N, C-alpha and C. Protein backbone atom coordinates (compact mmCIF):
# COMPACT_ATOMS: atom_id res chain seq x y z
N UNK A 1 0.78 -1.25 0.02
CA UNK A 1 -0.09 -0.12 0.07
C UNK A 1 0.85 1.26 -0.07
N UNK A 2 0.52 2.31 -0.65
CA UNK A 2 1.24 3.40 -0.88
C UNK A 2 0.80 4.59 0.06
N UNK A 3 1.43 5.65 -0.17
CA UNK A 3 0.86 6.93 0.62
C UNK A 3 -0.39 7.37 0.07
N UNK A 4 -0.43 7.47 -1.16
CA UNK A 4 -1.66 8.06 -1.72
C UNK A 4 -3.01 7.31 -1.24
N UNK A 5 -2.93 5.89 -1.42
CA UNK A 5 -3.80 5.08 -0.89
C UNK A 5 -4.23 5.39 0.61
N UNK A 6 -3.21 5.44 1.34
CA UNK A 6 -3.35 5.59 2.86
C UNK A 6 -3.96 7.11 3.10
N UNK A 7 -3.68 8.03 2.42
CA UNK A 7 -4.26 9.34 2.52
C UNK A 7 -5.55 9.26 2.28
N UNK A 8 -5.94 8.78 1.08
CA UNK A 8 -7.50 8.62 0.74
C UNK A 8 -8.10 8.08 1.92
N UNK A 9 -7.67 6.74 2.26
CA UNK A 9 -8.37 6.05 3.27
C UNK A 9 -8.57 6.99 4.73
N UNK A 10 -7.58 7.67 4.94
CA UNK A 10 -7.47 8.65 6.12
C UNK A 10 -8.76 9.77 5.78
N UNK A 11 -8.80 10.25 4.56
CA UNK A 11 -10.00 11.20 4.31
C UNK A 11 -11.37 10.56 4.48
N UNK A 12 -11.30 9.23 4.03
CA UNK A 12 -12.88 8.63 4.27
C UNK A 12 -12.94 8.42 5.62
N UNK A 13 -11.94 8.14 6.41
CA UNK A 13 -12.25 7.91 7.89
C UNK A 13 -12.50 9.14 8.74
N UNK A 14 -11.92 10.34 8.13
CA UNK A 14 -12.13 11.51 8.99
C UNK A 14 -13.22 12.20 8.40
N UNK A 15 -14.07 11.73 7.62
CA UNK A 15 -15.28 12.51 6.98
C UNK A 15 -16.48 12.56 7.96
N UNK A 16 -16.43 12.24 9.21
CA UNK A 16 -17.49 12.25 10.10
C UNK A 16 -18.00 13.79 10.28
N UNK A 17 -16.95 14.91 10.23
CA UNK A 17 -17.36 16.09 10.38
C UNK A 17 -18.25 16.77 9.33
N UNK A 18 -18.29 15.97 8.14
CA UNK A 18 -18.92 16.57 7.01
C UNK A 18 -20.38 16.14 7.10
N UNK A 19 -21.24 17.18 7.09
CA UNK A 19 -22.66 16.82 7.11
C UNK A 19 -23.48 17.05 6.01
N UNK A 20 -23.06 18.26 5.12
CA UNK A 20 -24.13 18.16 3.93
C UNK A 20 -22.96 17.60 2.79
N UNK A 21 -23.75 16.93 2.00
CA UNK A 21 -23.27 16.22 0.88
C UNK A 21 -22.28 15.17 1.29
N UNK A 22 -22.46 14.65 2.48
CA UNK A 22 -21.58 13.47 2.78
C UNK A 22 -21.61 12.38 1.96
N UNK A 23 -22.59 11.88 1.33
CA UNK A 23 -22.82 10.87 0.36
C UNK A 23 -22.05 11.24 -0.83
N UNK A 24 -22.21 12.25 -1.41
CA UNK A 24 -21.53 12.59 -2.51
C UNK A 24 -19.77 12.47 -2.43
N UNK A 25 -19.52 13.15 -1.20
CA UNK A 25 -18.04 13.23 -0.85
C UNK A 25 -17.67 11.90 -0.77
N UNK A 26 -18.08 10.81 -0.10
CA UNK A 26 -17.72 9.55 0.07
C UNK A 26 -17.75 8.89 -1.14
N UNK A 27 -18.76 9.09 -1.98
CA UNK A 27 -19.06 8.44 -3.32
C UNK A 27 -17.65 8.64 -4.30
N UNK A 28 -17.29 10.00 -4.26
CA UNK A 28 -15.95 10.36 -4.90
C UNK A 28 -14.81 9.99 -4.39
N UNK A 29 -14.83 9.95 -2.93
CA UNK A 29 -13.64 9.28 -2.49
C UNK A 29 -13.39 7.76 -2.68
N UNK A 30 -14.54 7.23 -2.65
CA UNK A 30 -14.22 5.70 -2.99
C UNK A 30 -13.94 5.47 -4.58
N UNK A 31 -14.44 6.46 -5.32
CA UNK A 31 -13.95 6.27 -6.66
C UNK A 31 -12.39 6.68 -6.85
N UNK A 32 -12.12 7.63 -6.09
CA UNK A 32 -10.59 8.01 -6.00
C UNK A 32 -9.85 6.87 -5.65
N UNK A 33 -10.23 6.28 -4.41
CA UNK A 33 -9.64 5.13 -3.87
C UNK A 33 -9.45 3.77 -4.88
N UNK A 34 -10.50 3.39 -5.46
CA UNK A 34 -10.63 2.43 -6.48
C UNK A 34 -9.57 2.68 -7.64
N UNK A 35 -9.61 3.96 -8.04
CA UNK A 35 -8.56 4.45 -9.10
C UNK A 35 -7.20 4.19 -8.66
N UNK A 36 -6.87 4.88 -7.39
CA UNK A 36 -5.45 4.68 -7.12
C UNK A 36 -5.01 3.34 -6.83
N UNK A 37 -6.02 2.41 -6.50
CA UNK A 37 -5.73 1.00 -6.13
C UNK A 37 -5.45 0.30 -7.58
N UNK A 38 -6.12 0.69 -8.61
CA UNK A 38 -6.08 0.23 -9.91
C UNK A 38 -4.62 0.67 -10.50
N UNK A 39 -4.45 1.91 -10.41
CA UNK A 39 -3.06 2.55 -11.03
C UNK A 39 -1.84 1.69 -10.01
N UNK A 40 -2.14 1.59 -8.83
CA UNK A 40 -0.95 1.06 -8.14
C UNK A 40 -0.66 -0.49 -8.69
N UNK A 41 -1.71 -1.15 -8.78
CA UNK A 41 -1.51 -2.46 -9.21
C UNK A 41 -1.07 -2.57 -10.66
N UNK A 42 -1.63 -1.70 -11.48
CA UNK A 42 -1.23 -1.74 -12.79
C UNK A 42 0.44 -1.48 -12.96
N UNK A 43 0.85 -0.48 -12.28
CA UNK A 43 2.27 -0.03 -12.29
C UNK A 43 3.23 -1.02 -11.67
N UNK A 44 2.78 -1.66 -10.59
CA UNK A 44 3.74 -2.61 -9.87
C UNK A 44 3.66 -4.04 -10.39
N UNK A 45 2.40 -4.31 -11.01
CA UNK A 45 2.25 -5.66 -11.28
C UNK A 45 3.13 -6.22 -12.69
N UNK A 46 3.26 -5.43 -13.41
CA UNK A 46 4.20 -5.72 -14.62
C UNK A 46 4.70 -4.64 -15.24
N UNK A 47 5.81 -4.89 -15.85
CA UNK A 47 6.72 -3.81 -16.44
C UNK A 47 5.79 -3.06 -17.62
N UNK A 48 5.94 -1.79 -18.00
CA UNK A 48 5.42 -1.25 -19.22
C UNK A 48 6.10 -1.71 -20.39
N UNK A 49 5.40 -2.09 -21.45
CA UNK A 49 6.09 -2.45 -22.53
C UNK A 49 6.42 -1.13 -23.48
N UNK A 50 7.73 -0.86 -23.84
CA UNK A 50 8.05 0.51 -24.54
C UNK A 50 7.52 0.41 -25.85
N UNK A 51 7.47 -0.87 -26.63
CA UNK A 51 6.81 -0.60 -27.83
C UNK A 51 5.31 -0.07 -28.01
N UNK A 52 4.66 -0.22 -26.75
CA UNK A 52 3.15 0.00 -26.84
C UNK A 52 3.00 1.52 -26.59
N UNK A 53 3.90 2.20 -26.14
CA UNK A 53 3.86 3.44 -25.67
C UNK A 53 5.05 4.57 -26.23
N UNK A 54 4.53 5.55 -26.33
CA UNK A 54 5.43 6.50 -26.94
C UNK A 54 6.33 6.93 -25.87
N UNK A 55 7.38 7.63 -26.20
CA UNK A 55 8.42 8.16 -24.86
C UNK A 55 7.70 9.09 -23.99
N UNK A 56 6.90 9.90 -24.43
CA UNK A 56 6.25 10.74 -23.33
C UNK A 56 5.09 10.07 -22.66
N UNK A 57 4.53 8.93 -23.03
CA UNK A 57 3.57 8.20 -22.19
C UNK A 57 4.18 7.48 -21.39
N UNK A 58 5.49 6.92 -21.47
CA UNK A 58 6.22 6.11 -20.52
C UNK A 58 6.83 7.21 -19.55
N UNK A 59 7.21 8.22 -19.99
CA UNK A 59 7.60 9.22 -18.84
C UNK A 59 6.45 9.73 -17.95
N UNK A 60 5.37 9.90 -18.46
CA UNK A 60 4.23 10.32 -17.69
C UNK A 60 3.84 9.07 -16.78
N UNK A 61 4.10 7.86 -16.99
CA UNK A 61 3.86 6.68 -16.24
C UNK A 61 5.07 6.57 -15.17
N UNK A 62 6.14 6.90 -15.57
CA UNK A 62 7.11 7.06 -14.53
C UNK A 62 6.77 8.14 -13.55
N UNK A 63 6.30 9.35 -13.88
CA UNK A 63 5.88 10.39 -12.95
C UNK A 63 4.83 9.87 -12.20
N UNK A 64 3.98 9.18 -12.67
CA UNK A 64 2.83 8.71 -11.75
C UNK A 64 3.21 7.58 -10.80
N UNK A 65 4.05 6.94 -11.53
CA UNK A 65 4.62 5.61 -10.36
C UNK A 65 5.42 6.55 -9.11
N UNK A 66 6.17 7.41 -9.53
CA UNK A 66 7.05 8.23 -8.65
C UNK A 66 6.01 8.85 -7.34
N UNK A 67 5.06 9.47 -7.83
CA UNK A 67 3.77 10.15 -7.09
C UNK A 67 3.08 8.99 -6.06
N UNK A 68 2.75 7.92 -6.73
CA UNK A 68 2.15 6.66 -6.01
C UNK A 68 3.14 6.06 -4.94
N UNK A 69 4.32 6.29 -5.14
CA UNK A 69 5.33 5.66 -4.25
C UNK A 69 6.30 6.76 -3.38
N UNK A 70 5.61 7.91 -3.25
CA UNK A 70 6.35 8.89 -2.57
C UNK A 70 6.98 8.44 -1.22
N UNK A 71 6.43 7.55 -0.49
CA UNK A 71 6.70 7.06 0.84
C UNK A 71 7.99 6.14 0.72
N UNK A 72 8.10 5.51 -0.56
CA UNK A 72 9.14 4.65 -0.83
C UNK A 72 9.51 4.85 -2.25
N UNK A 73 10.20 5.90 -2.63
CA UNK A 73 10.36 6.03 -4.19
C UNK A 73 11.38 5.23 -4.67
N UNK A 74 11.16 4.57 -5.68
CA UNK A 74 12.28 3.97 -6.48
C UNK A 74 13.61 4.59 -6.92
N UNK A 75 14.77 4.09 -7.09
CA UNK A 75 15.83 4.97 -7.61
C UNK A 75 15.87 4.92 -9.20
N UNK A 76 16.78 5.47 -9.72
CA UNK A 76 16.83 5.50 -11.15
C UNK A 76 16.88 4.02 -11.61
N UNK A 77 17.88 3.37 -11.18
CA UNK A 77 17.87 1.83 -11.62
C UNK A 77 16.74 1.08 -11.62
N UNK A 78 16.04 1.34 -10.35
CA UNK A 78 14.82 0.42 -10.24
C UNK A 78 13.72 1.08 -11.42
N UNK A 79 13.67 2.43 -11.60
CA UNK A 79 12.69 2.91 -12.49
C UNK A 79 13.09 2.37 -14.06
N UNK A 80 14.44 2.32 -14.28
CA UNK A 80 14.64 1.97 -15.65
C UNK A 80 14.43 0.53 -15.92
N UNK A 81 14.67 -0.34 -14.76
CA UNK A 81 14.26 -1.59 -14.93
C UNK A 81 12.94 -1.96 -15.13
N UNK A 82 12.06 -1.42 -14.36
CA UNK A 82 10.54 -1.30 -14.37
C UNK A 82 9.99 -0.85 -15.64
N UNK A 83 10.42 0.13 -16.30
CA UNK A 83 9.86 0.86 -17.26
C UNK A 83 10.74 0.54 -18.73
N UNK A 84 11.67 -0.59 -18.36
CA UNK A 84 12.57 -0.96 -19.49
C UNK A 84 13.28 0.21 -20.51
N UNK A 85 13.86 1.14 -19.64
CA UNK A 85 14.33 2.48 -20.03
C UNK A 85 15.93 2.36 -19.92
N UNK A 86 16.71 2.97 -20.94
CA UNK A 86 18.14 3.31 -20.51
C UNK A 86 18.05 4.45 -19.37
N UNK A 87 18.96 3.98 -18.41
CA UNK A 87 18.97 5.07 -17.29
C UNK A 87 19.51 6.44 -17.65
N UNK A 88 20.55 6.54 -18.51
CA UNK A 88 20.89 7.82 -18.96
C UNK A 88 19.82 8.62 -19.54
N UNK A 89 19.13 7.86 -20.51
CA UNK A 89 17.98 8.52 -21.47
C UNK A 89 16.92 9.00 -20.46
N UNK A 90 16.67 7.97 -19.52
CA UNK A 90 15.49 8.41 -18.53
C UNK A 90 15.82 9.41 -17.75
N UNK A 91 16.91 9.68 -17.29
CA UNK A 91 17.45 11.00 -16.54
C UNK A 91 17.30 12.17 -17.55
N UNK A 92 17.81 12.02 -18.59
CA UNK A 92 17.82 13.21 -19.69
C UNK A 92 16.33 13.64 -20.13
N UNK A 93 15.69 12.53 -20.60
CA UNK A 93 14.33 12.84 -20.93
C UNK A 93 13.36 13.38 -19.90
N UNK A 94 13.69 12.84 -18.57
CA UNK A 94 12.68 13.25 -17.40
C UNK A 94 12.88 14.74 -17.25
N UNK A 95 14.27 15.20 -17.05
CA UNK A 95 14.81 16.42 -16.97
C UNK A 95 14.21 17.57 -18.06
N UNK A 96 14.28 17.07 -19.21
CA UNK A 96 13.63 17.70 -20.26
C UNK A 96 12.41 18.06 -20.37
N UNK A 97 11.41 16.81 -19.93
CA UNK A 97 10.09 17.23 -19.85
C UNK A 97 9.60 17.91 -18.59
N UNK A 98 10.05 17.49 -17.45
CA UNK A 98 9.47 17.91 -16.15
C UNK A 98 10.36 19.13 -15.61
N UNK A 99 11.55 19.48 -16.23
CA UNK A 99 12.27 20.56 -15.70
C UNK A 99 13.03 20.41 -14.63
N UNK A 100 13.13 19.19 -14.08
CA UNK A 100 14.07 18.66 -12.90
C UNK A 100 14.33 17.47 -12.80
N UNK A 101 15.36 16.90 -11.95
CA UNK A 101 15.87 15.68 -11.91
C UNK A 101 14.49 14.71 -11.39
N UNK A 102 14.90 13.41 -11.23
CA UNK A 102 13.74 12.62 -10.60
C UNK A 102 13.86 12.84 -9.26
N UNK A 103 14.83 12.85 -8.56
CA UNK A 103 15.42 13.12 -7.23
C UNK A 103 14.47 14.56 -6.84
N UNK A 104 14.91 15.55 -7.57
CA UNK A 104 14.09 16.68 -7.29
C UNK A 104 12.71 16.72 -7.38
N UNK A 105 12.24 16.14 -8.21
CA UNK A 105 10.72 15.92 -8.63
C UNK A 105 10.14 15.06 -7.29
N UNK A 106 10.74 14.11 -6.89
CA UNK A 106 10.35 13.50 -5.82
C UNK A 106 10.11 14.39 -4.57
N UNK A 107 11.37 15.04 -4.04
CA UNK A 107 11.31 16.38 -3.12
C UNK A 107 10.02 17.13 -3.22
N UNK A 108 9.90 17.84 -4.43
CA UNK A 108 9.03 18.67 -4.66
C UNK A 108 7.75 17.99 -4.36
N UNK A 109 7.37 16.87 -4.89
CA UNK A 109 6.07 16.31 -4.76
C UNK A 109 5.73 15.78 -3.16
N UNK A 110 6.85 15.39 -2.55
CA UNK A 110 6.85 15.21 -1.01
C UNK A 110 6.54 16.44 -0.37
N UNK A 111 7.16 17.68 -0.60
CA UNK A 111 6.92 18.95 0.07
C UNK A 111 5.37 19.36 -0.25
N UNK A 112 4.88 19.09 -1.43
CA UNK A 112 3.54 19.67 -1.65
C UNK A 112 2.68 18.65 -0.80
N UNK A 113 2.90 17.31 -0.77
CA UNK A 113 2.06 16.60 0.08
C UNK A 113 2.07 16.91 1.35
N UNK A 114 3.24 17.20 2.02
CA UNK A 114 3.44 17.63 3.45
C UNK A 114 2.76 18.89 3.91
N UNK A 115 2.79 19.93 3.02
CA UNK A 115 2.02 20.85 3.33
C UNK A 115 0.50 20.64 3.38
N UNK A 116 -0.01 19.96 2.41
CA UNK A 116 -1.30 19.55 2.53
C UNK A 116 -1.78 18.63 3.80
N UNK A 117 -0.86 17.69 4.21
CA UNK A 117 -1.27 16.97 5.28
C UNK A 117 -0.89 17.62 6.65
N UNK A 118 -0.08 18.79 6.52
CA UNK A 118 0.06 19.54 7.70
C UNK A 118 -1.10 20.04 8.17
N UNK A 119 -2.05 20.52 7.36
CA UNK A 119 -3.12 21.16 7.50
C UNK A 119 -4.38 20.13 8.02
N UNK A 120 -4.07 18.87 8.11
CA UNK A 120 -4.99 17.85 8.33
C UNK A 120 -4.55 17.23 9.79
N UNK A 121 -4.02 18.02 10.61
CA UNK A 121 -3.70 17.64 12.05
C UNK A 121 -2.82 16.59 12.04
N UNK A 122 -1.94 16.34 11.12
CA UNK A 122 -0.72 15.47 11.38
C UNK A 122 0.29 16.04 11.99
N UNK A 123 1.11 15.44 12.88
CA UNK A 123 2.23 16.01 13.67
C UNK A 123 3.43 15.86 12.80
N UNK A 124 4.53 16.49 13.10
CA UNK A 124 5.69 16.35 12.19
C UNK A 124 6.43 15.02 11.99
N UNK A 125 6.16 14.36 13.16
CA UNK A 125 6.87 12.95 13.14
C UNK A 125 5.95 11.94 12.28
N UNK A 126 4.52 12.27 12.41
CA UNK A 126 3.68 11.42 11.32
C UNK A 126 3.92 11.90 9.92
N UNK A 127 4.08 13.02 9.74
CA UNK A 127 4.29 13.62 8.33
C UNK A 127 5.52 13.00 7.85
N UNK A 128 6.71 13.15 8.65
CA UNK A 128 7.93 12.43 8.13
C UNK A 128 7.75 11.05 7.79
N UNK A 129 7.17 10.25 8.88
CA UNK A 129 7.03 8.82 8.42
C UNK A 129 6.07 8.62 7.11
N UNK A 130 4.91 9.30 7.14
CA UNK A 130 4.12 9.08 6.02
C UNK A 130 4.83 9.42 4.78
N UNK A 131 5.74 10.32 4.61
CA UNK A 131 6.41 10.63 3.19
C UNK A 131 7.73 9.94 2.94
N UNK A 132 7.96 8.95 3.98
CA UNK A 132 9.07 8.14 3.80
C UNK A 132 10.35 8.68 4.36
N UNK A 133 10.49 9.60 5.07
CA UNK A 133 11.50 10.08 5.75
C UNK A 133 11.89 9.34 7.05
N UNK A 134 13.03 8.95 7.12
CA UNK A 134 13.53 7.94 8.31
C UNK A 134 14.01 9.01 9.60
N UNK A 135 13.99 10.25 9.28
CA UNK A 135 14.73 11.10 10.35
C UNK A 135 13.71 12.35 10.16
N UNK A 136 13.08 12.44 11.40
CA UNK A 136 12.15 13.95 11.45
C UNK A 136 13.09 14.81 11.26
N UNK A 137 14.38 15.02 11.67
CA UNK A 137 15.19 16.25 11.73
C UNK A 137 15.63 16.51 10.11
N UNK A 138 15.54 15.45 9.44
CA UNK A 138 15.97 15.53 7.93
C UNK A 138 14.59 15.94 7.29
N UNK A 139 13.67 15.37 7.68
CA UNK A 139 12.41 15.99 7.10
C UNK A 139 12.20 17.52 7.38
N UNK A 140 12.52 18.01 8.53
CA UNK A 140 12.18 19.47 8.88
C UNK A 140 13.38 20.27 8.03
N UNK A 141 14.52 19.92 7.91
CA UNK A 141 15.48 20.40 7.00
C UNK A 141 15.13 20.67 5.58
N UNK A 142 14.53 19.60 5.00
CA UNK A 142 14.18 19.66 3.72
C UNK A 142 12.98 20.62 3.64
N UNK A 143 11.95 20.57 4.37
CA UNK A 143 10.72 21.24 4.43
C UNK A 143 11.16 22.69 4.46
N UNK A 144 11.96 22.95 5.37
CA UNK A 144 12.63 24.44 5.63
C UNK A 144 12.97 25.08 4.35
N UNK A 145 14.15 24.05 3.57
CA UNK A 145 14.59 24.40 2.46
C UNK A 145 13.69 24.67 1.17
N UNK A 146 12.69 24.01 1.39
CA UNK A 146 11.61 24.13 0.17
C UNK A 146 10.72 25.06 0.50
N UNK A 147 10.21 25.20 1.64
CA UNK A 147 9.16 26.41 1.91
C UNK A 147 9.53 27.47 2.67
N UNK A 148 10.82 27.56 3.03
CA UNK A 148 11.40 28.89 3.81
C UNK A 148 11.12 28.83 5.18
N UNK A 149 10.49 27.87 5.78
CA UNK A 149 9.95 27.69 7.15
C UNK A 149 9.84 26.33 7.42
N UNK A 150 9.83 26.13 9.08
CA UNK A 150 9.79 24.89 9.31
C UNK A 150 8.25 24.50 9.40
N UNK A 151 7.83 23.30 9.66
CA UNK A 151 6.58 22.88 9.52
C UNK A 151 5.71 23.42 10.59
N UNK A 152 6.17 23.59 11.71
CA UNK A 152 5.37 24.26 12.68
C UNK A 152 5.29 25.68 12.57
N UNK A 153 6.29 26.55 11.94
CA UNK A 153 6.15 27.70 11.56
C UNK A 153 5.19 28.00 10.43
N UNK A 154 5.26 27.10 9.59
CA UNK A 154 4.11 27.19 8.50
C UNK A 154 2.53 26.93 9.04
N UNK A 155 2.52 26.02 9.90
CA UNK A 155 1.09 25.70 10.65
C UNK A 155 0.82 26.91 11.47
N UNK A 156 1.64 27.60 12.11
CA UNK A 156 1.37 28.78 12.96
C UNK A 156 1.05 30.04 11.83
N UNK A 157 1.67 30.11 10.95
CA UNK A 157 1.40 31.26 10.09
C UNK A 157 -0.07 31.03 9.57
N UNK A 158 -0.30 29.52 9.13
CA UNK A 158 -1.67 29.40 8.48
C UNK A 158 -2.89 29.66 9.50
N UNK A 159 -2.54 29.22 10.94
CA UNK A 159 -3.39 29.68 11.85
C UNK A 159 -3.64 31.23 12.24
N UNK A 160 -2.54 31.82 12.10
CA UNK A 160 -2.77 32.97 12.40
C UNK A 160 -3.56 33.72 11.18
N UNK A 161 -3.53 33.33 9.97
CA UNK A 161 -4.12 33.89 8.92
C UNK A 161 -5.43 33.50 8.94
N UNK A 162 -5.86 32.29 9.45
CA UNK A 162 -7.23 31.87 9.42
C UNK A 162 -7.85 32.69 10.66
N UNK A 163 -7.21 32.97 11.68
CA UNK A 163 -7.77 33.77 12.84
C UNK A 163 -8.04 35.14 12.52
N UNK A 164 -7.15 35.70 11.87
CA UNK A 164 -7.32 36.90 11.12
C UNK A 164 -8.41 37.25 10.35
N UNK A 165 -8.50 36.00 9.54
CA UNK A 165 -9.67 36.36 8.42
C UNK A 165 -10.96 35.98 9.16
N UNK A 166 -11.10 35.23 10.16
CA UNK A 166 -12.34 35.23 10.93
C UNK A 166 -12.54 36.45 11.86
N UNK A 167 -11.50 37.11 12.31
CA UNK A 167 -11.79 38.33 13.02
C UNK A 167 -12.17 39.14 12.15
N UNK A 168 -11.63 39.42 10.78
CA UNK A 168 -11.98 40.33 9.99
C UNK A 168 -13.28 40.09 9.44
N UNK A 169 -13.95 38.75 9.21
CA UNK A 169 -15.16 38.48 8.69
C UNK A 169 -16.40 38.85 9.78
N UNK A 170 -15.80 38.82 11.02
CA UNK A 170 -16.82 39.02 12.17
C UNK A 170 -16.99 40.54 12.48
N UNK A 171 -16.09 41.42 12.02
CA UNK A 171 -16.20 42.77 12.29
C UNK A 171 -17.14 43.42 11.40
């Protein structure tokens, strides 16, 4: 099971606070869950045949595979074997299409996910673990380098802005 599936399951379990349109919310979340499971099994069950896909399609599948496996992303060697690509060509083409290295892409996606999960009442230790970091201090260091502040500072800023907006709306 990967991080995306766990996040969707957590969203479903945490949906108790939703009163209006709960049926529709859960219906969409279950469809999202089934789609994520389908993609996960398709990407991990068998390697992609290069002859059936164009280079761009294969790179999109590599990108999707990385996103679905943010908690334990494969390295270049594993990716090249899974998708039957030359390592050097994979690195070059990925950077050409997405504007960054595979490693930088994984970091960027992890940090986007971290910011989203931060506002869902996960503590920093849980975030680090969910995103595949073995060290909380390393996670905080990467978060700060990417966002310019620590996770706690980001949460405090968000809470302050929310309080200010509520205060301004009440006046």
